[in-house]
PDB file of N, CA and C in Angstrom:
ATOM      1  N   MET A   1      50.524  26.175  38.566  1.00  0.00           N
ATOM      2  CA  MET A   1      50.967  26.209  37.377  1.00  0.00           C
ATOM      3  C   MET A   1      51.868  24.752  36.895  1.00  0.00           C
ATOM      4  N   LYS A   2      52.067  24.097  37.916  1.00  0.00           N
ATOM      5  CA  LYS A   2      52.807  22.633  37.875  1.00  0.00           C
ATOM      6  C   LYS A   2      51.521  21.779  37.088  1.00  0.00           C
ATOM      7  N   ALA A   3      50.471  22.005  37.369  1.00  0.00           N
ATOM      8  CA  ALA A   3      49.129  21.234  36.689  1.00  0.00           C
ATOM      9  C   ALA A   3      49.187  21.484  35.316  1.00  0.00           C
ATOM     10  N   GLY A   4      49.294  22.665  34.935  1.00  0.00           N
ATOM     11  CA  GLY A   4      49.273  23.121  33.568  1.00  0.00           C
ATOM     12  C   GLY A   4      50.530  22.613  32.947  1.00  0.00           C
ATOM     13  N   ILE A   5      51.553  22.547  33.239  1.00  0.00           N
ATOM     14  CA  ILE A   5      52.828  21.906  32.625  1.00  0.00           C
ATOM     15  C   ILE A   5      52.604  20.561  32.399  1.00  0.00           C
ATOM     16  N   PHE A   6      52.332  20.009  33.573  1.00  0.00           N
ATOM     17  CA  PHE A   6      52.296  18.503  33.590  1.00  0.00           C
ATOM     18  C   PHE A   6      51.075  17.971  32.279  1.00  0.00           C
ATOM     19  N   THR A   7      50.043  19.011  32.437  1.00  0.00           N
ATOM     20  CA  THR A   7      48.907  18.732  31.413  1.00  0.00           C
ATOM     21  C   THR A   7      49.489  18.558  29.950  1.00  0.00           C
ATOM     22  N   ILE A   8      50.357  19.751  29.635  1.00  0.00           N
ATOM     23  CA  ILE A   8      51.050  19.877  28.307  1.00  0.00           C
ATOM     24  C   ILE A   8      52.001  18.724  28.037  1.00  0.00           C
ATOM     25  N   ILE A   9      52.730  18.366  29.005  1.00  0.00           N
ATOM     26  CA  ILE A   9      53.556  17.057  29.102  1.00  0.00           C
ATOM     27  C   ILE A   9      52.977  15.914  28.369  1.00  0.00           C
ATOM     28  N   LEU A  10      51.670  15.805  29.373  1.00  0.00           N
ATOM     29  CA  LEU A  10      51.014  14.576  29.290  1.00  0.00           C
ATOM     30  C   LEU A  10      50.104  14.679  27.574  1.00  0.00           C
ATOM     31  N   LEU A  11      50.079  15.847  27.207  1.00  0.00           N
ATOM     32  CA  LEU A  11      49.518  16.124  26.036  1.00  0.00           C
ATOM     33  C   LEU A  11      50.269  15.779  24.760  1.00  0.00           C
ATOM     34  N   VAL A  12      51.390  16.138  25.120  1.00  0.00           N
ATOM     35  CA  VAL A  12      52.583  15.852  23.947  1.00  0.00           C
ATOM     36  C   VAL A  12      52.845  14.282  23.833  1.00  0.00           C
ATOM     37  N   ILE A  13      52.859  13.646  24.888  1.00  0.00           N
ATOM     38  CA  ILE A  13      53.056  12.100  24.625  1.00  0.00           C
ATOM     39  C   ILE A  13      51.840  11.483  24.224  1.00  0.00           C
ATOM     40  N   SER A  14      50.862  12.122  24.610  1.00  0.00           N
ATOM     41  CA  SER A  14      49.544  11.140  24.167  1.00  0.00           C
ATOM     42  C   SER A  14      49.670  11.583  22.437  1.00  0.00           C
ATOM     43  N   ASN A  15      49.900  12.606  22.161  1.00  0.00           N
ATOM     44  CA  ASN A  15      49.775  12.946  20.449  1.00  0.00           C
ATOM     45  C   ASN A  15      51.012  12.380  20.057  1.00  0.00           C
ATOM     46  N   ILE A  16      52.057  11.989  20.526  1.00  0.00           N
ATOM     47  CA  ILE A  16      53.043  11.047  19.812  1.00  0.00           C
ATOM     48  C   ILE A  16      52.633   9.536  19.518  1.00  0.00           C
ATOM     49  N   PHE A  17      51.956   9.105  20.695  1.00  0.00           N
ATOM     50  CA  PHE A  17      51.182   7.919  20.410  1.00  0.00           C
ATOM     51  C   PHE A  17      50.056   8.038  19.302  1.00  0.00           C
ATOM     52  N   MET A  18      49.323   9.138  19.206  1.00  0.00           N
ATOM     53  CA  MET A  18      48.237   9.278  18.326  1.00  0.00           C
ATOM     54  C   MET A  18      48.628   9.170  17.081  1.00  0.00           C
ATOM     55  N   THR A  19      49.703  10.001  16.804  1.00  0.00           N
ATOM     56  CA  THR A  19      50.454  10.160  15.233  1.00  0.00           C
ATOM     57  C   THR A  19      50.632   8.971  14.929  1.00  0.00           C
ATOM     58  N   PHE A  20      51.332   8.104  15.674  1.00  0.00           N
ATOM     59  CA  PHE A  20      51.767   6.773  15.576  1.00  0.00           C
ATOM     60  C   PHE A  20      50.683   5.848  15.180  1.00  0.00           C
ATOM     61  N   ALA A  21      49.474   5.931  16.157  1.00  0.00           N
ATOM     62  CA  ALA A  21      48.265   5.135  15.762  1.00  0.00           C
ATOM     63  C   ALA A  21      47.652   5.408  14.389  1.00  0.00           C
ATOM     64  N   TRP A  22      47.517   6.661  13.974  1.00  0.00           N
ATOM     65  CA  TRP A  22      46.763   6.998  13.089  1.00  0.00           C
ATOM     66  C   TRP A  22      47.861   6.858  11.660  1.00  0.00           C
ATOM     67  N   TYR A  23      49.128   6.887  11.552  1.00  0.00           N
ATOM     68  CA  TYR A  23      49.776   7.163  10.518  1.00  0.00           C
ATOM     69  C   TYR A  23      50.983   5.963  10.573  1.00  0.00           C
ATOM     70  N   GLY A  24      51.191   5.608  11.636  1.00  0.00           N
ATOM     71  CA  GLY A  24      52.390   4.503  11.723  1.00  0.00           C
ATOM     72  C   GLY A  24      52.189   3.120  10.678  1.00  0.00           C
ATOM     73  N   ASN A  25      50.944   3.147  10.480  1.00  0.00           N
ATOM     74  CA  ASN A  25      50.735   1.990   9.634  1.00  0.00           C
ATOM     75  C   ASN A  25      51.263   2.104   8.132  1.00  0.00           C
ATOM     76  N   LEU A  26      51.229   3.581   7.655  1.00  0.00           N
ATOM     77  CA  LEU A  26      51.789   3.896   6.509  1.00  0.00           C
ATOM     78  C   LEU A  26      53.381   3.675   6.529  1.00  0.00           C
ATOM     79  N   LYS A  27      53.886   4.035   7.446  1.00  0.00           N
ATOM     80  CA  LYS A  27      55.433   3.784   7.564  1.00  0.00           C
ATOM     81  C   LYS A  27      55.715   2.136   7.862  1.00  0.00           C
ATOM     82  N   LEU A  28      54.962   1.557   8.208  1.00  0.00           N
ATOM     83  CA  LEU A  28      55.133  -0.178   8.181  1.00  0.00           C
ATOM     84  C   LEU A  28      55.151  -0.508   6.871  1.00  0.00           C
ATOM     85  N   LYS A  29      53.988   0.167   5.932  1.00  0.00           N
ATOM     86  CA  LYS A  29      53.983  -0.453   4.816  1.00  0.00           C
ATOM     87  C   LYS A  29      55.085   0.126   3.739  1.00  0.00           C
ATOM     88  N   GLU A  30      55.564   1.279   4.011  1.00  0.00           N
ATOM     89  CA  GLU A  30      56.579   1.879   3.375  1.00  0.00           C
ATOM     90  C   GLU A  30      57.851   1.076   3.641  1.00  0.00           C
ATOM     91  N   LEU A  31      58.102   0.383   5.007  1.00  0.00           N
ATOM     92  CA  LEU A  31      59.236  -0.515   5.236  1.00  0.00           C
ATOM     93  C   LEU A  31      59.027  -1.887   4.795  1.00  0.00           C
ATOM     94  N   ASN A  32      57.789  -2.381   3.972  1.00  0.00           N
ATOM     95  CA  ASN A  32      57.311  -3.432   3.645  1.00  0.00           C
ATOM     96  C   ASN A  32      57.287  -4.425   4.796  1.00  0.00           C
ATOM     97  N   ILE A  33      56.692  -4.131   6.034  1.00  0.00           N
ATOM     98  CA  ILE A  33      56.563  -4.714   7.083  1.00  0.00           C
ATOM     99  C   ILE A  33      55.181  -5.232   7.166  1.00  0.00           C
ATOM    100  N   SER A  34      54.425  -4.439   6.842  1.00  0.00           N
ATOM    101  CA  SER A  34      52.676  -4.820   6.651  1.00  0.00           C
ATOM    102  C   SER A  34      52.128  -4.750   5.451  1.00  0.00           C
ATOM    103  N   THR A  35      52.895  -5.091   4.437  1.00  0.00           N
ATOM    104  CA  THR A  35      52.357  -5.002   3.181  1.00  0.00           C
ATOM    105  C   THR A  35      51.204  -5.934   2.837  1.00  0.00           C
ATOM    106  N   HIS A  36      51.316  -7.034   3.451  1.00  0.00           N
ATOM    107  CA  HIS A  36      50.075  -8.111   3.364  1.00  0.00           C
ATOM    108  C   HIS A  36      49.305  -8.260   4.415  1.00  0.00           C
ATOM    109  N   TRP A  37      49.314  -7.222   5.444  1.00  0.00           N
ATOM    110  CA  TRP A  37      48.348  -7.461   6.376  1.00  0.00           C
ATOM    111  C   TRP A  37      47.027  -7.128   6.020  1.00  0.00           C
ATOM    112  N   PRO A  38      45.840  -7.796   6.385  1.00  0.00           N
ATOM    113  CA  PRO A  38      44.915  -7.400   6.141  1.00  0.00           C
ATOM    114  C   PRO A  38      44.280  -6.201   6.691  1.00  0.00           C
ATOM    115  N   LEU A  39      43.309  -5.377   6.648  1.00  0.00           N
ATOM    116  CA  LEU A  39      43.171  -4.297   6.889  1.00  0.00           C
ATOM    117  C   LEU A  39      42.727  -4.301   8.383  1.00  0.00           C
ATOM    118  N   ILE A  40      41.968  -5.543   8.701  1.00  0.00           N
ATOM    119  CA  ILE A  40      41.642  -5.670  10.317  1.00  0.00           C
ATOM    120  C   ILE A  40      42.700  -5.784  11.080  1.00  0.00           C
ATOM    121  N   LEU A  41      43.909  -6.472  10.737  1.00  0.00           N
ATOM    122  CA  LEU A  41      45.009  -6.435  11.427  1.00  0.00           C
ATOM    123  C   LEU A  41      45.629  -4.716  11.683  1.00  0.00           C
ATOM    124  N   VAL A  42      45.599  -4.006  10.637  1.00  0.00           N
ATOM    125  CA  VAL A  42      46.166  -2.812  10.729  1.00  0.00           C
ATOM    126  C   VAL A  42      45.254  -2.121  11.712  1.00  0.00           C
ATOM    127  N   ILE A  43      43.981  -2.347  11.865  1.00  0.00           N
ATOM    128  CA  ILE A  43      43.175  -1.627  12.778  1.00  0.00           C
ATOM    129  C   ILE A  43      43.366  -2.181  13.906  1.00  0.00           C
ATOM    130  N   LEU A  44      43.606  -2.962  14.150  1.00  0.00           N
ATOM    131  CA  LEU A  44      43.760  -3.615  15.528  1.00  0.00           C
ATOM    132  C   LEU A  44      45.067  -3.402  16.188  1.00  0.00           C
ATOM    133  N   ALA A  45      46.140  -3.452  15.089  1.00  0.00           N
ATOM    134  CA  ALA A  45      47.507  -2.532  15.823  1.00  0.00           C
ATOM    135  C   ALA A  45      47.453  -1.312  16.185  1.00  0.00           C
ATOM    136  N   SER A  46      46.696  -0.412  15.242  1.00  0.00           N
ATOM    137  CA  SER A  46      46.514   0.991  15.520  1.00  0.00           C
ATOM    138  C   SER A  46      45.683   1.299  16.906  1.00  0.00           C
ATOM    139  N   TRP A  47      44.576   0.634  16.996  1.00  0.00           N
ATOM    140  CA  TRP A  47      43.904   0.519  18.385  1.00  0.00           C
ATOM    141  C   TRP A  47      44.957   0.186  19.544  1.00  0.00           C
ATOM    142  N   GLY A  48      45.644  -0.747  19.427  1.00  0.00           N
ATOM    143  CA  GLY A  48      46.684  -1.247  20.440  1.00  0.00           C
ATOM    144  C   GLY A  48      47.548   0.040  20.814  1.00  0.00           C
ATOM    145  N   ILE A  49      47.931   0.934  19.646  1.00  0.00           N
ATOM    146  CA  ILE A  49      48.758   2.094  19.778  1.00  0.00           C
ATOM    147  C   ILE A  49      48.046   3.181  20.677  1.00  0.00           C
ATOM    148  N   ALA A  50      46.650   3.336  20.181  1.00  0.00           N
ATOM    149  CA  ALA A  50      45.812   4.453  20.426  1.00  0.00           C
ATOM    150  C   ALA A  50      45.535   4.074  22.016  1.00  0.00           C
ATOM    151  N   LEU A  51      45.553   2.870  22.529  1.00  0.00           N
ATOM    152  CA  LEU A  51      45.423   2.681  23.768  1.00  0.00           C
ATOM    153  C   LEU A  51      46.572   3.621  24.669  1.00  0.00           C
ATOM    154  N   PHE A  52      47.616   3.370  24.182  1.00  0.00           N
ATOM    155  CA  PHE A  52      48.429   4.399  25.024  1.00  0.00           C
ATOM    156  C   PHE A  52      48.421   5.951  24.999  1.00  0.00           C
ATOM    157  N   GLU A  53      47.665   6.336  23.699  1.00  0.00           N
ATOM    158  CA  GLU A  53      47.282   7.582  23.539  1.00  0.00           C
ATOM    159  C   GLU A  53      46.243   8.112  24.555  1.00  0.00           C
ATOM    160  N   TYR A  54      45.202   7.020  24.975  1.00  0.00           N
ATOM    161  CA  TYR A  54      44.173   7.378  26.020  1.00  0.00           C
ATOM    162  C   TYR A  54      44.705   7.340  27.270  1.00  0.00           C
ATOM    163  N   ILE A  55      45.870   6.418  27.538  1.00  0.00           N
ATOM    164  CA  ILE A  55      46.583   6.396  28.767  1.00  0.00           C
ATOM    165  C   ILE A  55      46.903   7.664  29.270  1.00  0.00           C
ATOM    166  N   PHE A  56      47.499   8.492  28.170  1.00  0.00           N
ATOM    167  CA  PHE A  56      47.984   9.679  28.713  1.00  0.00           C
ATOM    168  C   PHE A  56      47.119  10.866  28.634  1.00  0.00           C
ATOM    169  N   MET A  57      46.056  10.610  27.506  1.00  0.00           N
ATOM    170  CA  MET A  57      45.148  11.884  27.055  1.00  0.00           C
ATOM    171  C   MET A  57      43.860  11.994  28.146  1.00  0.00           C
ATOM    172  N   ILE A  58      43.768  11.054  28.867  1.00  0.00           N
ATOM    173  CA  ILE A  58      42.626  11.108  29.803  1.00  0.00           C
ATOM    174  C   ILE A  58      43.040  11.772  31.080  1.00  0.00           C
ATOM    175  N   PRO A  59      44.390  11.252  31.472  1.00  0.00           N
ATOM    176  CA  PRO A  59      44.850  11.864  32.820  1.00  0.00           C
ATOM    177  C   PRO A  59      44.971  13.528  32.592  1.00  0.00           C
ATOM    178  N   ALA A  60      45.720  13.885  31.291  1.00  0.00           N
ATOM    179  CA  ALA A  60      45.944  15.135  30.910  1.00  0.00           C
ATOM    180  C   ALA A  60      44.650  16.141  31.054  1.00  0.00           C
ATOM    181  N   ASN A  61      43.630  15.472  30.359  1.00  0.00           N
ATOM    182  CA  ASN A  61      42.244  16.321  30.589  1.00  0.00           C
ATOM    183  C   ASN A  61      41.705  16.153  32.104  1.00  0.00           C
ATOM    184  N   GLN A  62      42.000  15.257  32.783  1.00  0.00           N
ATOM    185  CA  GLN A  62      41.491  15.161  34.235  1.00  0.00           C
ATOM    186  C   GLN A  62      42.244  16.362  34.846  1.00  0.00           C
ATOM    187  N   ILE A  63      43.550  16.424  34.890  1.00  0.00           N
ATOM    188  CA  ILE A  63      44.389  17.139  35.505  1.00  0.00           C
ATOM    189  C   ILE A  63      44.392  18.761  35.088  1.00  0.00           C
ATOM    190  N   GLY A  64      44.285  18.791  33.898  1.00  0.00           N
ATOM    191  CA  GLY A  64      44.182  20.284  33.230  1.00  0.00           C
ATOM    192  C   GLY A  64      42.958  20.862  33.357  1.00  0.00           C
ATOM    193  N   SER A  65      41.810  20.442  33.520  1.00  0.00           N
ATOM    194  CA  SER A  65      40.422  20.789  33.506  1.00  0.00           C
ATOM    195  C   SER A  65      40.204  21.570  34.796  1.00  0.00           C
ATOM    196  N   LYS A  66      39.479  22.622  34.446  1.00  0.00           N
ATOM    197  CA  LYS A  66      38.908  23.770  35.481  1.00  0.00           C
ATOM    198  C   LYS A  66      37.840  22.863  36.399  1.00  0.00           C
ATOM    199  N   ILE A  67      37.423  21.919  35.606  1.00  0.00           N
ATOM    200  CA  ILE A  67      36.268  21.045  36.405  1.00  0.00           C
ATOM    201  C   ILE A  67      36.875  20.368  37.649  1.00  0.00           C
ATOM    202  N   ASN A  68      37.895  19.920  37.342  1.00  0.00           N
ATOM    203  CA  ASN A  68      38.876  19.003  38.704  1.00  0.00           C
ATOM    204  C   ASN A  68      39.645  19.927  39.442  1.00  0.00           C
ATOM    205  N   GLY A  69      39.766  21.130  38.992  1.00  0.00           N
ATOM    206  CA  GLY A  69      40.528  22.189  39.690  1.00  0.00           C
ATOM    207  C   GLY A  69      41.953  22.503  38.852  1.00  0.00           C
ATOM    208  N   GLY A  70      41.946  22.286  37.832  1.00  0.00           N
ATOM    209  CA  GLY A  70      42.947  22.600  36.924  1.00  0.00           C
ATOM    210  C   GLY A  70      43.177  23.995  36.321  1.00  0.00           C
ATOM    211  N   PRO A  71      44.128  24.168  35.616  1.00  0.00           N
ATOM    212  CA  PRO A  71      43.912  25.790  34.983  1.00  0.00           C
ATOM    213  C   PRO A  71      43.370  26.041  34.044  1.00  0.00           C
ATOM    214  N   TYR A  72      42.738  25.110  33.103  1.00  0.00           N
ATOM    215  CA  TYR A  72      42.245  25.295  31.857  1.00  0.00           C
ATOM    216  C   TYR A  72      40.856  25.208  31.540  1.00  0.00           C
ATOM    217  N   SER A  73      40.117  25.763  31.013  1.00  0.00           N
ATOM    218  CA  SER A  73      38.659  25.517  30.525  1.00  0.00           C
ATOM    219  C   SER A  73      38.716  24.425  29.594  1.00  0.00           C
ATOM    220  N   LEU A  74      37.553  23.875  29.039  1.00  0.00           N
ATOM    221  CA  LEU A  74      37.193  22.792  28.044  1.00  0.00           C
ATOM    222  C   LEU A  74      37.611  23.310  26.868  1.00  0.00           C
ATOM    223  N   MET A  75      37.669  24.849  26.384  1.00  0.00           N
ATOM    224  CA  MET A  75      37.870  25.020  25.285  1.00  0.00           C
ATOM    225  C   MET A  75      39.543  25.294  25.077  1.00  0.00           C
ATOM    226  N   GLN A  76      39.856  26.034  26.091  1.00  0.00           N
ATOM    227  CA  GLN A  76      41.390  26.148  26.205  1.00  0.00           C
ATOM    228  C   GLN A  76      42.077  24.653  25.996  1.00  0.00           C
ATOM    229  N   LEU A  77      41.637  23.665  26.797  1.00  0.00           N
ATOM    230  CA  LEU A  77      42.348  22.437  26.577  1.00  0.00           C
ATOM    231  C   LEU A  77      42.226  21.769  25.344  1.00  0.00           C
ATOM    232  N   LYS A  78      40.986  21.803  24.615  1.00  0.00           N
ATOM    233  CA  LYS A  78      40.888  21.317  23.149  1.00  0.00           C
ATOM    234  C   LYS A  78      41.919  22.050  22.201  1.00  0.00           C
ATOM    235  N   ILE A  79      42.044  23.579  22.247  1.00  0.00           N
ATOM    236  CA  ILE A  79      42.928  24.325  21.327  1.00  0.00           C
ATOM    237  C   ILE A  79      44.419  24.102  21.676  1.00  0.00           C
ATOM    238  N   ILE A  80      44.651  23.898  23.012  1.00  0.00           N
ATOM    239  CA  ILE A  80      46.045  23.397  23.232  1.00  0.00           C
ATOM    240  C   ILE A  80      46.434  22.220  22.573  1.00  0.00           C
ATOM    241  N   GLN A  81      45.610  21.146  22.787  1.00  0.00           N
ATOM    242  CA  GLN A  81      45.492  19.679  22.276  1.00  0.00           C
ATOM    243  C   GLN A  81      45.901  19.929  20.644  1.00  0.00           C
ATOM    244  N   GLU A  82      45.027  20.569  20.114  1.00  0.00           N
ATOM    245  CA  GLU A  82      45.121  20.669  18.584  1.00  0.00           C
ATOM    246  C   GLU A  82      46.428  21.253  18.231  1.00  0.00           C
ATOM    247  N   ALA A  83      46.936  22.388  18.968  1.00  0.00           N
ATOM    248  CA  ALA A  83      48.188  22.812  18.691  1.00  0.00           C
ATOM    249  C   ALA A  83      49.210  21.872  18.713  1.00  0.00           C
ATOM    250  N   ILE A  84      49.312  21.052  19.906  1.00  0.00           N
ATOM    251  CA  ILE A  84      50.484  20.197  20.165  1.00  0.00           C
ATOM    252  C   ILE A  84      50.115  19.334  19.131  1.00  0.00           C
ATOM    253  N   SER A  85      48.954  18.548  18.913  1.00  0.00           N
ATOM    254  CA  SER A  85      48.736  17.507  17.673  1.00  0.00           C
ATOM    255  C   SER A  85      49.599  18.005  16.417  1.00  0.00           C
ATOM    256  N   ILE A  86      49.282  19.371  15.805  1.00  0.00           N
ATOM    257  CA  ILE A  86      49.836  19.415  14.520  1.00  0.00           C
ATOM    258  C   ILE A  86      51.344  19.932  14.657  1.00  0.00           C
ATOM    259  N   SER A  87      51.761  20.161  15.669  1.00  0.00           N
ATOM    260  CA  SER A  87      52.994  20.434  15.954  1.00  0.00           C
ATOM    261  C   SER A  87      53.850  19.037  16.092  1.00  0.00           C
ATOM    262  N   VAL A  88      53.498  17.963  16.679  1.00  0.00           N
ATOM    263  CA  VAL A  88      53.862  16.666  16.878  1.00  0.00           C
ATOM    264  C   VAL A  88      53.746  15.836  15.558  1.00  0.00           C
ATOM    265  N   PHE A  89      52.767  16.001  14.830  1.00  0.00           N
ATOM    266  CA  PHE A  89      52.462  15.438  13.422  1.00  0.00           C
ATOM    267  C   PHE A  89      53.449  16.039  12.526  1.00  0.00           C
ATOM    268  N   THR A  90      53.868  17.361  12.604  1.00  0.00           N
ATOM    269  CA  THR A  90      54.714  18.034  11.836  1.00  0.00           C
ATOM    270  C   THR A  90      56.041  17.335  11.988  1.00  0.00           C
ATOM    271  N   LEU A  91      56.591  17.397  13.202  1.00  0.00           N
ATOM    272  CA  LEU A  91      57.881  16.791  13.480  1.00  0.00           C
ATOM    273  C   LEU A  91      58.065  15.346  13.202  1.00  0.00           C
ATOM    274  N   ILE A  92      56.866  14.632  13.289  1.00  0.00           N
ATOM    275  CA  ILE A  92      57.044  13.154  13.206  1.00  0.00           C
ATOM    276  C   ILE A  92      56.921  13.000  11.436  1.00  0.00           C
ATOM    277  N   ALA A  93      56.399  13.592  10.800  1.00  0.00           N
ATOM    278  CA  ALA A  93      56.245  13.569   9.441  1.00  0.00           C
ATOM    279  C   ALA A  93      57.496  14.026   8.760  1.00  0.00           C
ATOM    280  N   ILE A  94      58.203  15.201   9.445  1.00  0.00           N
ATOM    281  CA  ILE A  94      59.426  15.796   8.736  1.00  0.00           C
ATOM    282  C   ILE A  94      60.559  14.742   9.081  1.00  0.00           C
ATOM    283  N   THR A  95      60.565  14.094  10.339  1.00  0.00           N
ATOM    284  CA  THR A  95      61.776  13.319  10.721  1.00  0.00           C
ATOM    285  C   THR A  95      61.553  11.907  10.827  1.00  0.00           C
ATOM    286  N   VAL A  96      60.630  11.410  10.823  1.00  0.00           N
ATOM    287  CA  VAL A  96      60.362   9.970  10.536  1.00  0.00           C
ATOM    288  C   VAL A  96      60.075   9.458   9.266  1.00  0.00           C
ATOM    289  N   PHE A  97      58.864  10.109   8.870  1.00  0.00           N
ATOM    290  CA  PHE A  97      58.379   9.669   7.338  1.00  0.00           C
ATOM    291  C   PHE A  97      59.357  10.206   6.265  1.00  0.00           C
ATOM    292  N   ARG A  98      59.711  11.521   6.325  1.00  0.00           N
ATOM    293  CA  ARG A  98      60.751  12.013   5.687  1.00  0.00           C
ATOM    294  C   ARG A  98      60.022  12.209   4.091  1.00  0.00           C
ATOM    295  N   THR A  99      58.777  12.346   3.920  1.00  0.00           N
ATOM    296  CA  THR A  99      58.146  12.529   2.648  1.00  0.00           C
ATOM    297  C   THR A  99      57.608  13.909   2.474  1.00  0.00           C
ATOM    298  N   GLU A 100      57.694  14.954   3.585  1.00  0.00           N
ATOM    299  CA  GLU A 100      57.358  16.155   3.440  1.00  0.00           C
ATOM    300  C   GLU A 100      58.294  17.150   3.805  1.00  0.00           C
ATOM    301  N   THR A 101      58.238  18.059   3.443  1.00  0.00           N
ATOM    302  CA  THR A 101      59.137  19.381   3.683  1.00  0.00           C
ATOM    303  C   THR A 101      58.091  20.610   4.022  1.00  0.00           C
ATOM    304  N   LEU A 102      58.658  21.356   4.850  1.00  0.00           N
ATOM    305  CA  LEU A 102      57.946  22.549   5.375  1.00  0.00           C
ATOM    306  C   LEU A 102      58.106  23.706   4.594  1.00  0.00           C
ATOM    307  N   HIS A 103      56.904  23.913   4.179  1.00  0.00           N
ATOM    308  CA  HIS A 103      56.955  25.130   3.405  1.00  0.00           C
ATOM    309  C   HIS A 103      56.598  26.532   3.847  1.00  0.00           C
ATOM    310  N   TRP A 104      56.436  27.488   3.176  1.00  0.00           N
ATOM    311  CA  TRP A 104      56.072  28.750   3.752  1.00  0.00           C
ATOM    312  C   TRP A 104      54.481  28.747   4.162  1.00  0.00           C
ATOM    313  N   ASN A 105      53.955  28.164   3.605  1.00  0.00           N
ATOM    314  CA  ASN A 105      52.256  28.079   3.481  1.00  0.00           C
ATOM    315  C   ASN A 105      51.970  27.287   5.110  1.00  0.00           C
ATOM    316  N   HIS A 106      52.997  26.401   5.455  1.00  0.00           N
ATOM    317  CA  HIS A 106      52.940  25.567   6.552  1.00  0.00           C
ATOM    318  C   HIS A 106      53.162  26.597   7.918  1.00  0.00           C
ATOM    319  N   ILE A 107      54.041  27.299   7.681  1.00  0.00           N
ATOM    320  CA  ILE A 107      54.534  28.360   8.770  1.00  0.00           C
ATOM    321  C   ILE A 107      53.547  29.100   8.841  1.00  0.00           C
ATOM    322  N   VAL A 108      52.759  29.502   7.945  1.00  0.00           N
ATOM    323  CA  VAL A 108      51.745  30.520   8.018  1.00  0.00           C
ATOM    324  C   VAL A 108      50.522  29.877   8.821  1.00  0.00           C
ATOM    325  N   ALA A 109      50.307  28.707   8.517  1.00  0.00           N
ATOM    326  CA  ALA A 109      49.222  27.908   9.161  1.00  0.00           C
ATOM    327  C   ALA A 109      49.461  27.823  10.880  1.00  0.00           C
ATOM    328  N   PHE A 110      50.787  27.440  10.887  1.00  0.00           N
ATOM    329  CA  PHE A 110      51.505  27.413  12.309  1.00  0.00           C
ATOM    330  C   PHE A 110      51.065  28.644  12.979  1.00  0.00           C
ATOM    331  N   VAL A 111      51.511  29.743  12.588  1.00  0.00           N
ATOM    332  CA  VAL A 111      51.242  31.237  13.227  1.00  0.00           C
ATOM    333  C   VAL A 111      49.708  31.264  13.410  1.00  0.00           C
ATOM    334  N   PHE A 112      49.024  30.975  12.430  1.00  0.00           N
ATOM    335  CA  PHE A 112      47.354  31.126  12.813  1.00  0.00           C
ATOM    336  C   PHE A 112      46.971  30.065  13.972  1.00  0.00           C
ATOM    337  N   ILE A 113      47.429  28.993  13.948  1.00  0.00           N
ATOM    338  CA  ILE A 113      47.240  28.039  15.082  1.00  0.00           C
ATOM    339  C   ILE A 113      47.667  28.535  16.217  1.00  0.00           C
ATOM    340  N   ILE A 114      49.022  29.231  16.654  1.00  0.00           N
ATOM    341  CA  ILE A 114      49.200  29.799  17.855  1.00  0.00           C
ATOM    342  C   ILE A 114      48.517  30.859  17.896  1.00  0.00           C
ATOM    343  N   ALA A 115      47.852  31.911  16.950  1.00  0.00           N
ATOM    344  CA  ALA A 115      47.207  32.698  17.352  1.00  0.00           C
ATOM    345  C   ALA A 115      45.775  32.403  17.979  1.00  0.00           C
ATOM    346  N   ALA A 116      45.347  31.069  17.385  1.00  0.00           N
ATOM    347  CA  ALA A 116      43.955  30.614  18.014  1.00  0.00           C
ATOM    348  C   ALA A 116      43.953  30.112  19.491  1.00  0.00           C
ATOM    349  N   VAL A 117      45.334  29.582  19.914  1.00  0.00           N
ATOM    350  CA  VAL A 117      45.767  29.754  21.056  1.00  0.00           C
ATOM    351  C   VAL A 117      45.751  30.839  22.269  1.00  0.00           C
ATOM    352  N   PHE A 118      46.354  31.952  21.609  1.00  0.00           N
ATOM    353  CA  PHE A 118      46.386  33.218  22.216  1.00  0.00           C
ATOM    354  C   PHE A 118      44.957  33.582  22.316  1.00  0.00           C
ATOM    355  N   PHE A 119      44.256  33.591  21.367  1.00  0.00           N
ATOM    356  CA  PHE A 119      42.780  34.156  21.682  1.00  0.00           C
ATOM    357  C   PHE A 119      41.807  33.337  22.537  1.00  0.00           C
ATOM    358  N   ALA A 120      42.096  32.008  22.556  1.00  0.00           N
ATOM    359  CA  ALA A 120      41.444  31.210  23.398  1.00  0.00           C
ATOM    360  C   ALA A 120      41.643  31.552  24.943  1.00  0.00           C
ATOM    361  N   PHE A 121      42.560  32.246  25.218  1.00  0.00           N
ATOM    362  CA  PHE A 121      43.258  32.679  26.604  1.00  0.00           C
ATOM    363  C   PHE A 121      43.027  34.018  26.910  1.00  0.00           C
ATOM    364  N   LEU A 122      42.557  34.862  25.888  1.00  0.00           N
ATOM    365  CA  LEU A 122      41.954  36.164  26.301  1.00  0.00           C
ATOM    366  C   LEU A 122      40.767  36.115  27.114  1.00  0.00           C
ATOM    367  N   LYS A 123      40.872  36.912  28.115  1.00  0.00           N
ATOM    368  CA  LYS A 123      39.615  37.017  29.021  1.00  0.00           C
ATOM    369  C   LYS A 123      38.579  37.999  28.498  1.00  0.00           C
TER     370      LYS A 123
END
């Protein structure tokens, strides 16, 4: 079970980096830091952040996969990752970007995502 928890922790860290790699450039623009950056520089900066995503994602998949003796099938790993991804994104969007608010339809969407995780683990 330790491998399962460690996998989830690594996936959370990975998704924090992923969210900033994908959307951090928008925050930098909002703060007038990258307003005049050429697109190639924005892409390279995002790739630099994404490197850290992979530093955590690859070990998470290695440790968590049944192929390597971990507790999760490939399908389970992917569905866990997606649930973590949307959760991390939502927290960052609400707390860092502050341009989004959580509405009832978002809550319903989260319920369906959690249901997907539940169904992925049914035998």
